[in-house]
Structure formats: C-alpha cells, structure tokens
Amino acid sequence: MKRAAFVLGLAALGGYLYVAPAALAKDDNKKDAEKALPDNDFLVKAATGNAMEITLGAIALRQGASESVRQFGQRLLTDHRSANQTLGLIAREQKITLPQQVSQEDLKVVDKFSRLKGNDFDRQFIDQMVADHEKDVSLYEAQAKETKDRHLKKYIDKTLPVIKRHLKIARKLQAKAEKR
C-alpha cells in the first residue's frame, strides 16, 4: 500500500514511472498463498495453475515479440504439461477429478493476452509470470511443509525447483524489459 501511494505521489509531481501491476500486487499475492490447503484442494489449484501456464505459454509462442519470451513460452508449455501428467496420476490414485482447462476467472486473463501483441504483450506477459510464479512458490513451499501424502510431497519436491527456475527467468526478462 505504501508503495502504491509513493508511485502515485511521483506521478503527481509530473514524473512518469511505469510500475507493473504485478509489483503492486506482490505483497497481497504472497499473503494469499502462504497457507497450505487441504491436499485435494491443492491438487485442483495446482492443475488449474498448470492449465493457465500452458495456455499462456502457447499464446506467448504465437504473440511474443522477442525470441526470449517465445522460448519462455515453450518452456512453460513443456514443464507444466509434465507437471500436470504427474498430478493426474496422483489424482487418479486418490479418485479426484482434476480440471483440464483454465478456470472461468482465468479466462478473463487469457482473453486479455489473446488480444495483446508485440512489446506490449511481452511486458504484460512477463509481469504476469512474475506474479503467478511468486504466488506459486509460496503456495508450494507451504504445502510441502504440511502435506502428509508421500506422492504429493514427491510431486512438490520435483516441481518446486522448476517453478523457482521459471520465476528466475521471468524476473530476468522483466529486468531486461525495464531497461528498455
């Protein structure tokens, strides 16, 4: 909140400062995701998140202006498809049906990105990826501490480093974009 007031104050002084919406929401996202969920709810949330990253990765392949954004989109597709396959095995074992598509709420985000092109797409996509992956890292870390299910724990232990790598890549791309 203080950060938003500071930015607004700078804008009032006549200076121009681009602040990514993801940067303003960062603290709120972490607060929302710090708590572990019941394992079944986590499985559904993880599957929905994977579906979102797969969908946005595919859009990045088509609409990204820079090669690095398109490559990141391909990495998201590959890694999150693999994660979803593993989740599917765990869910079948527990007799849980996982969503195979993005949520109704996420469809609004997908629609937004479907209409963006070029550098505008790249900037907003990277900001979204930083925010999403920060939230995911927090959630997966909390879940790893709480889950008693050995298969879910194994999935988290395998997937969390991948999510952290995605976050690192997204932050590098974000820093590169801010220099332009």
N, C-alpha and C. Protein backbone atom coordinates (compact mmCIF):
# COMPACT_ATOMS: atom_id res chain seq x y z
N MET A 1 0.83 -1.19 0.00
CA MET A 1 0.00 0.00 0.00
C MET A 1 0.87 1.25 0.00
N LYS A 2 1.93 1.25 0.82
CA LYS A 2 2.83 2.40 0.85
C LYS A 2 3.48 2.61 -0.50
N ARG A 3 3.83 1.48 -1.17
CA ARG A 3 4.46 1.57 -2.48
C ARG A 3 3.53 2.24 -3.47
N ALA A 4 2.25 1.88 -3.45
CA ALA A 4 1.28 2.48 -4.37
C ALA A 4 1.14 3.98 -4.11
N ALA A 5 1.11 4.39 -2.85
CA ALA A 5 1.00 5.80 -2.52
C ALA A 5 2.23 6.56 -2.99
N PHE A 6 3.41 5.95 -2.84
CA PHE A 6 4.66 6.57 -3.30
C PHE A 6 4.63 6.78 -4.81
N VAL A 7 4.20 5.76 -5.54
CA VAL A 7 4.13 5.84 -7.00
C VAL A 7 3.15 6.91 -7.42
N LEU A 8 2.00 6.96 -6.77
CA LEU A 8 1.01 7.98 -7.09
C LEU A 8 1.55 9.37 -6.80
N GLY A 9 2.31 9.51 -5.73
CA GLY A 9 2.93 10.78 -5.40
C GLY A 9 3.91 11.21 -6.47
N LEU A 10 4.73 10.29 -6.96
CA LEU A 10 5.66 10.61 -8.03
C LEU A 10 4.92 11.04 -9.29
N ALA A 11 3.84 10.36 -9.60
CA ALA A 11 3.05 10.71 -10.79
C ALA A 11 2.48 12.12 -10.65
N ALA A 12 2.08 12.49 -9.46
CA ALA A 12 1.50 13.81 -9.23
C ALA A 12 2.55 14.91 -9.43
N LEU A 13 3.82 14.58 -9.21
CA LEU A 13 4.89 15.55 -9.41
C LEU A 13 5.24 15.72 -10.88
N GLY A 14 4.57 14.99 -11.73
CA GLY A 14 4.80 15.15 -13.16
C GLY A 14 5.79 14.15 -13.72
N GLY A 15 6.33 13.29 -12.89
CA GLY A 15 7.27 12.28 -13.40
C GLY A 15 6.51 11.10 -13.93
N TYR A 16 7.11 10.40 -14.86
CA TYR A 16 6.48 9.20 -15.40
C TYR A 16 7.23 8.01 -14.88
N LEU A 17 6.51 7.08 -14.33
CA LEU A 17 7.12 5.86 -13.81
C LEU A 17 6.20 4.71 -14.11
N TYR A 18 6.71 3.74 -14.82
CA TYR A 18 5.90 2.54 -15.09
C TYR A 18 6.11 1.58 -13.94
N VAL A 19 5.04 1.21 -13.31
CA VAL A 19 5.09 0.21 -12.26
C VAL A 19 4.17 -0.91 -12.68
N ALA A 20 4.73 -2.08 -12.78
CA ALA A 20 3.93 -3.23 -13.20
C ALA A 20 2.85 -3.49 -12.18
N PRO A 21 1.64 -3.78 -12.63
CA PRO A 21 0.57 -4.13 -11.69
C PRO A 21 0.97 -5.30 -10.80
N ALA A 22 1.75 -6.21 -11.34
CA ALA A 22 2.21 -7.37 -10.56
C ALA A 22 3.07 -6.92 -9.38
N ALA A 23 3.84 -5.86 -9.58
CA ALA A 23 4.68 -5.38 -8.49
C ALA A 23 3.84 -4.83 -7.35
N LEU A 24 2.76 -4.16 -7.68
CA LEU A 24 1.89 -3.61 -6.65
C LEU A 24 1.14 -4.71 -5.90
N ALA A 25 0.81 -5.78 -6.61
CA ALA A 25 0.04 -6.87 -6.01
C ALA A 25 0.91 -7.92 -5.34
N LYS A 26 2.21 -7.78 -5.46
CA LYS A 26 3.13 -8.80 -4.98
C LYS A 26 2.90 -9.17 -3.52
N ASP A 27 2.82 -8.19 -2.65
CA ASP A 27 2.64 -8.47 -1.23
C ASP A 27 1.30 -9.14 -0.97
N ASP A 28 0.25 -8.72 -1.64
CA ASP A 28 -1.07 -9.33 -1.47
C ASP A 28 -1.05 -10.78 -1.92
N ASN A 29 -0.39 -11.06 -3.06
CA ASN A 29 -0.33 -12.43 -3.57
C ASN A 29 0.36 -13.34 -2.57
N LYS A 30 1.45 -12.88 -1.99
CA LYS A 30 2.18 -13.73 -1.04
C LYS A 30 1.32 -14.00 0.19
N LYS A 31 0.61 -13.01 0.67
CA LYS A 31 -0.24 -13.21 1.85
C LYS A 31 -1.32 -14.24 1.56
N ASP A 32 -1.90 -14.20 0.36
CA ASP A 32 -2.96 -15.13 -0.01
C ASP A 32 -2.45 -16.56 -0.12
N ALA A 33 -1.21 -16.73 -0.53
CA ALA A 33 -0.72 -18.06 -0.87
C ALA A 33 0.12 -18.71 0.23
N GLU A 34 0.32 -18.07 1.36
CA GLU A 34 1.21 -18.61 2.37
C GLU A 34 0.64 -19.82 3.10
N LYS A 35 -0.65 -19.99 3.08
CA LYS A 35 -1.28 -21.08 3.81
C LYS A 35 -1.39 -22.33 2.95
N ALA A 36 -1.09 -23.45 3.56
CA ALA A 36 -1.29 -24.72 2.88
C ALA A 36 -2.78 -24.99 2.76
N LEU A 37 -3.14 -25.76 1.76
CA LEU A 37 -4.53 -26.14 1.52
C LEU A 37 -4.72 -27.60 1.87
N PRO A 38 -5.95 -28.03 2.05
CA PRO A 38 -6.16 -29.48 2.11
C PRO A 38 -5.61 -30.08 0.80
N ASP A 39 -5.03 -31.27 0.88
CA ASP A 39 -4.36 -31.85 -0.28
C ASP A 39 -5.22 -31.89 -1.53
N ASN A 40 -6.48 -32.25 -1.40
CA ASN A 40 -7.37 -32.31 -2.57
C ASN A 40 -7.54 -30.93 -3.21
N ASP A 41 -7.67 -29.90 -2.38
CA ASP A 41 -7.80 -28.53 -2.90
C ASP A 41 -6.50 -28.09 -3.58
N PHE A 42 -5.38 -28.48 -3.00
CA PHE A 42 -4.09 -28.14 -3.60
C PHE A 42 -3.97 -28.79 -4.98
N LEU A 43 -4.36 -30.04 -5.09
CA LEU A 43 -4.29 -30.73 -6.38
C LEU A 43 -5.09 -29.98 -7.45
N VAL A 44 -6.29 -29.57 -7.10
CA VAL A 44 -7.13 -28.83 -8.04
C VAL A 44 -6.50 -27.49 -8.39
N LYS A 45 -6.02 -26.78 -7.38
CA LYS A 45 -5.40 -25.47 -7.62
C LYS A 45 -4.14 -25.60 -8.48
N ALA A 46 -3.33 -26.62 -8.21
CA ALA A 46 -2.12 -26.84 -8.99
C ALA A 46 -2.46 -27.18 -10.44
N ALA A 47 -3.46 -28.02 -10.64
CA ALA A 47 -3.86 -28.38 -12.00
C ALA A 47 -4.40 -27.17 -12.76
N THR A 48 -5.19 -26.35 -12.09
CA THR A 48 -5.72 -25.14 -12.71
C THR A 48 -4.59 -24.18 -13.06
N GLY A 49 -3.62 -24.05 -12.15
CA GLY A 49 -2.47 -23.19 -12.40
C GLY A 49 -1.64 -23.70 -13.57
N ASN A 50 -1.44 -25.01 -13.63
CA ASN A 50 -0.70 -25.59 -14.75
C ASN A 50 -1.43 -25.32 -16.07
N ALA A 51 -2.74 -25.48 -16.07
CA ALA A 51 -3.52 -25.22 -17.29
C ALA A 51 -3.36 -23.77 -17.73
N MET A 52 -3.33 -22.86 -16.78
CA MET A 52 -3.16 -21.44 -17.11
C MET A 52 -1.78 -21.19 -17.72
N GLU A 53 -0.75 -21.75 -17.13
CA GLU A 53 0.61 -21.54 -17.65
C GLU A 53 0.77 -22.17 -19.03
N ILE A 54 0.15 -23.32 -19.25
CA ILE A 54 0.19 -23.97 -20.57
C ILE A 54 -0.50 -23.07 -21.60
N THR A 55 -1.65 -22.54 -21.24
CA THR A 55 -2.41 -21.69 -22.16
C THR A 55 -1.65 -20.40 -22.47
N LEU A 56 -1.13 -19.75 -21.44
CA LEU A 56 -0.38 -18.50 -21.67
C LEU A 56 0.93 -18.77 -22.39
N GLY A 57 1.55 -19.91 -22.11
CA GLY A 57 2.78 -20.27 -22.83
C GLY A 57 2.51 -20.42 -24.33
N ALA A 58 1.39 -21.04 -24.68
CA ALA A 58 1.03 -21.19 -26.09
C ALA A 58 0.78 -19.84 -26.74
N ILE A 59 0.14 -18.94 -26.02
CA ILE A 59 -0.10 -17.59 -26.55
C ILE A 59 1.24 -16.88 -26.74
N ALA A 60 2.16 -17.04 -25.79
CA ALA A 60 3.48 -16.40 -25.90
C ALA A 60 4.23 -16.90 -27.13
N LEU A 61 4.08 -18.17 -27.44
CA LEU A 61 4.72 -18.71 -28.65
C LEU A 61 4.22 -18.01 -29.90
N ARG A 62 2.94 -17.71 -29.94
CA ARG A 62 2.34 -17.07 -31.12
C ARG A 62 2.54 -15.56 -31.15
N GLN A 63 2.47 -14.92 -29.99
CA GLN A 63 2.36 -13.47 -29.99
C GLN A 63 3.53 -12.73 -29.35
N GLY A 64 4.49 -13.45 -28.80
CA GLY A 64 5.63 -12.78 -28.19
C GLY A 64 6.45 -12.06 -29.24
N ALA A 65 6.91 -10.87 -28.89
CA ALA A 65 7.73 -10.08 -29.82
C ALA A 65 9.17 -10.55 -29.80
N SER A 66 9.67 -10.91 -28.64
CA SER A 66 11.08 -11.29 -28.53
C SER A 66 11.23 -12.81 -28.52
N GLU A 67 12.36 -13.24 -29.01
CA GLU A 67 12.68 -14.66 -29.03
C GLU A 67 12.73 -15.21 -27.61
N SER A 68 13.23 -14.42 -26.65
CA SER A 68 13.34 -14.90 -25.27
C SER A 68 11.96 -15.14 -24.66
N VAL A 69 10.97 -14.33 -24.99
CA VAL A 69 9.61 -14.54 -24.50
C VAL A 69 9.01 -15.78 -25.14
N ARG A 70 9.25 -15.96 -26.43
CA ARG A 70 8.73 -17.16 -27.10
C ARG A 70 9.39 -18.43 -26.54
N GLN A 71 10.68 -18.37 -26.27
CA GLN A 71 11.37 -19.52 -25.67
C GLN A 71 10.83 -19.82 -24.27
N PHE A 72 10.57 -18.78 -23.52
CA PHE A 72 10.00 -18.95 -22.18
C PHE A 72 8.60 -19.58 -22.29
N GLY A 73 7.83 -19.14 -23.27
CA GLY A 73 6.51 -19.73 -23.50
C GLY A 73 6.62 -21.23 -23.77
N GLN A 74 7.60 -21.62 -24.57
CA GLN A 74 7.80 -23.05 -24.86
C GLN A 74 8.19 -23.81 -23.60
N ARG A 75 9.04 -23.21 -22.78
CA ARG A 75 9.45 -23.84 -21.52
C ARG A 75 8.24 -24.05 -20.61
N LEU A 76 7.37 -23.03 -20.54
CA LEU A 76 6.16 -23.15 -19.73
C LEU A 76 5.29 -24.30 -20.22
N LEU A 77 5.11 -24.38 -21.52
CA LEU A 77 4.31 -25.46 -22.10
C LEU A 77 4.87 -26.83 -21.71
N THR A 78 6.13 -27.02 -21.94
CA THR A 78 6.78 -28.31 -21.68
C THR A 78 6.73 -28.68 -20.20
N ASP A 79 7.17 -27.77 -19.36
CA ASP A 79 7.28 -28.07 -17.93
C ASP A 79 5.92 -28.25 -17.26
N HIS A 80 4.95 -27.41 -17.60
CA HIS A 80 3.65 -27.51 -16.93
C HIS A 80 2.82 -28.68 -17.47
N ARG A 81 3.03 -29.07 -18.71
CA ARG A 81 2.38 -30.30 -19.20
C ARG A 81 2.89 -31.51 -18.43
N SER A 82 4.19 -31.55 -18.24
CA SER A 82 4.80 -32.65 -17.48
C SER A 82 4.27 -32.67 -16.05
N ALA A 83 4.21 -31.50 -15.42
CA ALA A 83 3.70 -31.41 -14.05
C ALA A 83 2.25 -31.89 -13.99
N ASN A 84 1.45 -31.53 -14.97
CA ASN A 84 0.04 -31.94 -14.98
C ASN A 84 -0.11 -33.44 -15.16
N GLN A 85 0.77 -34.05 -15.93
CA GLN A 85 0.72 -35.51 -16.08
C GLN A 85 0.95 -36.19 -14.73
N THR A 86 1.92 -35.70 -13.98
CA THR A 86 2.20 -36.27 -12.67
C THR A 86 1.03 -36.04 -11.72
N LEU A 87 0.47 -34.84 -11.75
CA LEU A 87 -0.70 -34.55 -10.92
C LEU A 87 -1.86 -35.49 -11.26
N GLY A 88 -2.03 -35.76 -12.53
CA GLY A 88 -3.11 -36.65 -12.96
C GLY A 88 -2.98 -38.03 -12.36
N LEU A 89 -1.76 -38.53 -12.27
CA LEU A 89 -1.53 -39.85 -11.66
C LEU A 89 -1.90 -39.84 -10.18
N ILE A 90 -1.50 -38.79 -9.49
CA ILE A 90 -1.81 -38.67 -8.05
C ILE A 90 -3.32 -38.58 -7.87
N ALA A 91 -3.96 -37.75 -8.68
CA ALA A 91 -5.42 -37.56 -8.58
C ALA A 91 -6.18 -38.86 -8.85
N ARG A 92 -5.77 -39.60 -9.88
CA ARG A 92 -6.44 -40.88 -10.17
C ARG A 92 -6.33 -41.83 -8.99
N GLU A 93 -5.16 -41.86 -8.39
CA GLU A 93 -4.94 -42.72 -7.23
C GLU A 93 -5.88 -42.34 -6.08
N GLN A 94 -6.14 -41.04 -5.94
CA GLN A 94 -7.00 -40.55 -4.86
C GLN A 94 -8.45 -40.39 -5.31
N LYS A 95 -8.73 -40.80 -6.54
CA LYS A 95 -10.08 -40.72 -7.10
C LYS A 95 -10.65 -39.29 -7.12
N ILE A 96 -9.79 -38.38 -7.56
CA ILE A 96 -10.14 -36.97 -7.69
C ILE A 96 -10.11 -36.61 -9.17
N THR A 97 -11.12 -35.88 -9.61
CA THR A 97 -11.14 -35.40 -10.99
C THR A 97 -10.56 -33.99 -11.02
N LEU A 98 -9.52 -33.83 -11.81
CA LEU A 98 -8.87 -32.52 -11.92
C LEU A 98 -9.40 -31.76 -13.12
N PRO A 99 -9.45 -30.43 -13.02
CA PRO A 99 -9.86 -29.63 -14.17
C PRO A 99 -8.81 -29.74 -15.28
N GLN A 100 -9.25 -29.76 -16.50
CA GLN A 100 -8.34 -29.86 -17.65
C GLN A 100 -8.19 -28.54 -18.38
N GLN A 101 -8.92 -27.53 -17.93
CA GLN A 101 -8.89 -26.24 -18.59
C GLN A 101 -8.71 -25.15 -17.55
N VAL A 102 -8.48 -23.94 -18.05
CA VAL A 102 -8.35 -22.81 -17.14
C VAL A 102 -9.71 -22.52 -16.50
N SER A 103 -9.66 -21.88 -15.35
CA SER A 103 -10.88 -21.54 -14.63
C SER A 103 -11.62 -20.40 -15.35
N GLN A 104 -12.87 -20.20 -14.99
CA GLN A 104 -13.65 -19.10 -15.55
C GLN A 104 -12.98 -17.76 -15.27
N GLU A 105 -12.44 -17.62 -14.07
CA GLU A 105 -11.74 -16.38 -13.70
C GLU A 105 -10.50 -16.18 -14.58
N ASP A 106 -9.75 -17.25 -14.81
CA ASP A 106 -8.53 -17.16 -15.62
C ASP A 106 -8.84 -16.89 -17.09
N LEU A 107 -10.04 -17.24 -17.53
CA LEU A 107 -10.41 -16.97 -18.93
C LEU A 107 -10.34 -15.48 -19.26
N LYS A 108 -10.61 -14.64 -18.28
CA LYS A 108 -10.51 -13.19 -18.50
C LYS A 108 -9.07 -12.80 -18.79
N VAL A 109 -8.14 -13.40 -18.08
CA VAL A 109 -6.71 -13.11 -18.29
C VAL A 109 -6.29 -13.64 -19.66
N VAL A 110 -6.72 -14.85 -19.99
CA VAL A 110 -6.40 -15.44 -21.29
C VAL A 110 -6.93 -14.55 -22.41
N ASP A 111 -8.16 -14.08 -22.26
CA ASP A 111 -8.76 -13.21 -23.27
C ASP A 111 -7.93 -11.93 -23.43
N LYS A 112 -7.51 -11.37 -22.33
CA LYS A 112 -6.69 -10.15 -22.38
C LYS A 112 -5.40 -10.40 -23.16
N PHE A 113 -4.71 -11.49 -22.84
CA PHE A 113 -3.44 -11.78 -23.51
C PHE A 113 -3.64 -12.18 -24.96
N SER A 114 -4.76 -12.74 -25.28
CA SER A 114 -5.05 -13.12 -26.66
C SER A 114 -5.13 -11.90 -27.57
N ARG A 115 -5.46 -10.75 -26.98
CA ARG A 115 -5.60 -9.53 -27.77
C ARG A 115 -4.34 -8.67 -27.82
N LEU A 116 -3.37 -8.97 -26.96
CA LEU A 116 -2.15 -8.17 -26.94
C LEU A 116 -1.17 -8.66 -27.99
N LYS A 117 -0.32 -7.76 -28.44
CA LYS A 117 0.69 -8.09 -29.46
C LYS A 117 2.00 -7.37 -29.12
N GLY A 118 3.07 -7.88 -29.69
CA GLY A 118 4.36 -7.20 -29.68
C GLY A 118 4.92 -6.93 -28.30
N ASN A 119 5.58 -5.79 -28.17
CA ASN A 119 6.25 -5.43 -26.92
C ASN A 119 5.26 -5.27 -25.76
N ASP A 120 4.06 -4.80 -26.06
CA ASP A 120 3.03 -4.68 -25.03
C ASP A 120 2.70 -6.05 -24.46
N PHE A 121 2.57 -7.04 -25.35
CA PHE A 121 2.33 -8.41 -24.89
C PHE A 121 3.49 -8.87 -24.02
N ASP A 122 4.72 -8.71 -24.51
CA ASP A 122 5.89 -9.19 -23.78
C ASP A 122 5.94 -8.62 -22.37
N ARG A 123 5.79 -7.32 -22.25
CA ARG A 123 5.88 -6.67 -20.93
C ARG A 123 4.81 -7.18 -19.97
N GLN A 124 3.57 -7.21 -20.43
CA GLN A 124 2.48 -7.64 -19.56
C GLN A 124 2.55 -9.14 -19.25
N PHE A 125 2.97 -9.93 -20.22
CA PHE A 125 3.12 -11.37 -20.02
C PHE A 125 4.18 -11.64 -18.95
N ILE A 126 5.31 -11.00 -19.05
CA ILE A 126 6.38 -11.22 -18.07
C ILE A 126 5.94 -10.75 -16.69
N ASP A 127 5.27 -9.62 -16.60
CA ASP A 127 4.76 -9.16 -15.30
C ASP A 127 3.81 -10.21 -14.71
N GLN A 128 2.95 -10.77 -15.55
CA GLN A 128 2.00 -11.80 -15.10
C GLN A 128 2.76 -13.04 -14.63
N MET A 129 3.80 -13.43 -15.36
CA MET A 129 4.56 -14.63 -14.99
C MET A 129 5.30 -14.45 -13.67
N VAL A 130 5.83 -13.26 -13.43
CA VAL A 130 6.49 -13.00 -12.15
C VAL A 130 5.47 -13.12 -11.02
N ALA A 131 4.34 -12.46 -11.16
CA ALA A 131 3.31 -12.50 -10.11
C ALA A 131 2.80 -13.93 -9.89
N ASP A 132 2.49 -14.64 -10.97
CA ASP A 132 1.98 -16.01 -10.85
C ASP A 132 2.98 -16.93 -10.17
N HIS A 133 4.23 -16.85 -10.59
CA HIS A 133 5.23 -17.77 -10.05
C HIS A 133 5.65 -17.42 -8.63
N GLU A 134 5.60 -16.15 -8.26
CA GLU A 134 5.85 -15.79 -6.85
C GLU A 134 4.77 -16.42 -5.97
N LYS A 135 3.54 -16.31 -6.41
CA LYS A 135 2.42 -16.88 -5.66
C LYS A 135 2.54 -18.41 -5.59
N ASP A 136 2.90 -19.02 -6.71
CA ASP A 136 3.05 -20.48 -6.74
C ASP A 136 4.17 -20.97 -5.84
N VAL A 137 5.30 -20.28 -5.84
CA VAL A 137 6.41 -20.69 -4.98
C VAL A 137 5.96 -20.67 -3.53
N SER A 138 5.28 -19.63 -3.13
CA SER A 138 4.80 -19.51 -1.76
C SER A 138 3.83 -20.64 -1.41
N LEU A 139 2.89 -20.91 -2.30
CA LEU A 139 1.91 -21.97 -2.06
C LEU A 139 2.59 -23.34 -1.99
N TYR A 140 3.45 -23.65 -2.92
CA TYR A 140 4.12 -24.95 -2.94
C TYR A 140 5.01 -25.13 -1.71
N GLU A 141 5.68 -24.08 -1.28
CA GLU A 141 6.51 -24.19 -0.08
C GLU A 141 5.65 -24.48 1.15
N ALA A 142 4.54 -23.77 1.27
CA ALA A 142 3.63 -24.01 2.41
C ALA A 142 3.06 -25.42 2.36
N GLN A 143 2.68 -25.87 1.18
CA GLN A 143 2.11 -27.21 1.04
C GLN A 143 3.13 -28.29 1.35
N ALA A 144 4.36 -28.07 0.97
CA ALA A 144 5.43 -29.05 1.22
C ALA A 144 5.61 -29.29 2.72
N LYS A 145 5.41 -28.26 3.51
CA LYS A 145 5.56 -28.37 4.97
C LYS A 145 4.40 -29.11 5.61
N GLU A 146 3.22 -29.06 4.99
CA GLU A 146 2.01 -29.57 5.63
C GLU A 146 1.53 -30.93 5.13
N THR A 147 1.79 -31.25 3.86
CA THR A 147 1.21 -32.47 3.32
C THR A 147 1.83 -33.72 3.96
N LYS A 148 0.99 -34.70 4.14
CA LYS A 148 1.44 -35.99 4.68
C LYS A 148 1.46 -37.05 3.57
N ASP A 149 0.89 -36.71 2.42
CA ASP A 149 0.82 -37.63 1.30
C ASP A 149 2.19 -37.72 0.63
N ARG A 150 2.77 -38.90 0.61
CA ARG A 150 4.14 -39.04 0.10
C ARG A 150 4.21 -38.78 -1.41
N HIS A 151 3.17 -39.13 -2.16
CA HIS A 151 3.17 -38.89 -3.60
C HIS A 151 3.08 -37.39 -3.90
N LEU A 152 2.24 -36.69 -3.16
CA LEU A 152 2.12 -35.25 -3.34
C LEU A 152 3.41 -34.55 -2.92
N LYS A 153 4.00 -35.01 -1.84
CA LYS A 153 5.28 -34.44 -1.38
C LYS A 153 6.36 -34.63 -2.45
N LYS A 154 6.39 -35.79 -3.06
CA LYS A 154 7.37 -36.06 -4.12
C LYS A 154 7.12 -35.14 -5.32
N TYR A 155 5.84 -34.96 -5.68
CA TYR A 155 5.49 -34.05 -6.76
C TYR A 155 5.98 -32.63 -6.45
N ILE A 156 5.70 -32.16 -5.25
CA ILE A 156 6.10 -30.80 -4.86
C ILE A 156 7.62 -30.68 -4.87
N ASP A 157 8.31 -31.67 -4.34
CA ASP A 157 9.78 -31.62 -4.30
C ASP A 157 10.37 -31.59 -5.71
N LYS A 158 9.71 -32.22 -6.66
CA LYS A 158 10.17 -32.23 -8.05
C LYS A 158 9.78 -30.94 -8.77
N THR A 159 8.60 -30.42 -8.48
CA THR A 159 8.05 -29.30 -9.23
C THR A 159 8.51 -27.94 -8.70
N LEU A 160 8.69 -27.81 -7.40
CA LEU A 160 9.06 -26.52 -6.83
C LEU A 160 10.34 -25.94 -7.45
N PRO A 161 11.39 -26.71 -7.64
CA PRO A 161 12.58 -26.13 -8.29
C PRO A 161 12.30 -25.64 -9.71
N VAL A 162 11.40 -26.30 -10.41
CA VAL A 162 11.03 -25.88 -11.77
C VAL A 162 10.31 -24.53 -11.71
N ILE A 163 9.39 -24.39 -10.77
CA ILE A 163 8.66 -23.13 -10.61
C ILE A 163 9.63 -22.01 -10.23
N LYS A 164 10.58 -22.31 -9.37
CA LYS A 164 11.59 -21.30 -8.99
C LYS A 164 12.45 -20.90 -10.18
N ARG A 165 12.77 -21.87 -11.05
CA ARG A 165 13.53 -21.54 -12.27
C ARG A 165 12.69 -20.64 -13.18
N HIS A 166 11.42 -20.94 -13.31
CA HIS A 166 10.53 -20.09 -14.12
C HIS A 166 10.51 -18.67 -13.56
N LEU A 167 10.42 -18.56 -12.23
CA LEU A 167 10.41 -17.24 -11.60
C LEU A 167 11.71 -16.49 -11.87
N LYS A 168 12.81 -17.19 -11.78
CA LYS A 168 14.12 -16.56 -12.03
C LYS A 168 14.20 -16.06 -13.48
N ILE A 169 13.76 -16.88 -14.41
CA ILE A 169 13.76 -16.47 -15.83
C ILE A 169 12.84 -15.27 -16.03
N ALA A 170 11.65 -15.32 -15.45
CA ALA A 170 10.69 -14.21 -15.61
C ALA A 170 11.25 -12.92 -15.03
N ARG A 171 11.90 -13.01 -13.89
CA ARG A 171 12.49 -11.80 -13.29
C ARG A 171 13.61 -11.23 -14.17
N LYS A 172 14.42 -12.10 -14.75
CA LYS A 172 15.47 -11.63 -15.65
C LYS A 172 14.87 -10.94 -16.87
N LEU A 173 13.83 -11.53 -17.44
CA LEU A 173 13.17 -10.92 -18.58
C LEU A 173 12.53 -9.60 -18.19
N GLN A 174 11.98 -9.54 -17.00
CA GLN A 174 11.35 -8.31 -16.52
C GLN A 174 12.40 -7.21 -16.36
N ALA A 175 13.55 -7.55 -15.78
CA ALA A 175 14.62 -6.56 -15.60
C ALA A 175 15.13 -6.07 -16.95
N LYS A 176 15.25 -6.98 -17.89
CA LYS A 176 15.69 -6.62 -19.24
C LYS A 176 14.69 -5.68 -19.91
N ALA A 177 13.40 -5.95 -19.73
CA ALA A 177 12.36 -5.11 -20.33
C ALA A 177 12.33 -3.71 -19.70
N GLU A 178 12.62 -3.65 -18.40
CA GLU A 178 12.60 -2.35 -17.71
C GLU A 178 13.74 -1.44 -18.15
N LYS A 179 14.81 -2.03 -18.67
CA LYS A 179 15.96 -1.24 -19.12
C LYS A 179 15.67 -0.57 -20.45
N ARG A 180 14.66 -1.08 -21.17
CA ARG A 180 14.35 -0.50 -22.50
C ARG A 180 13.60 0.78 -22.38
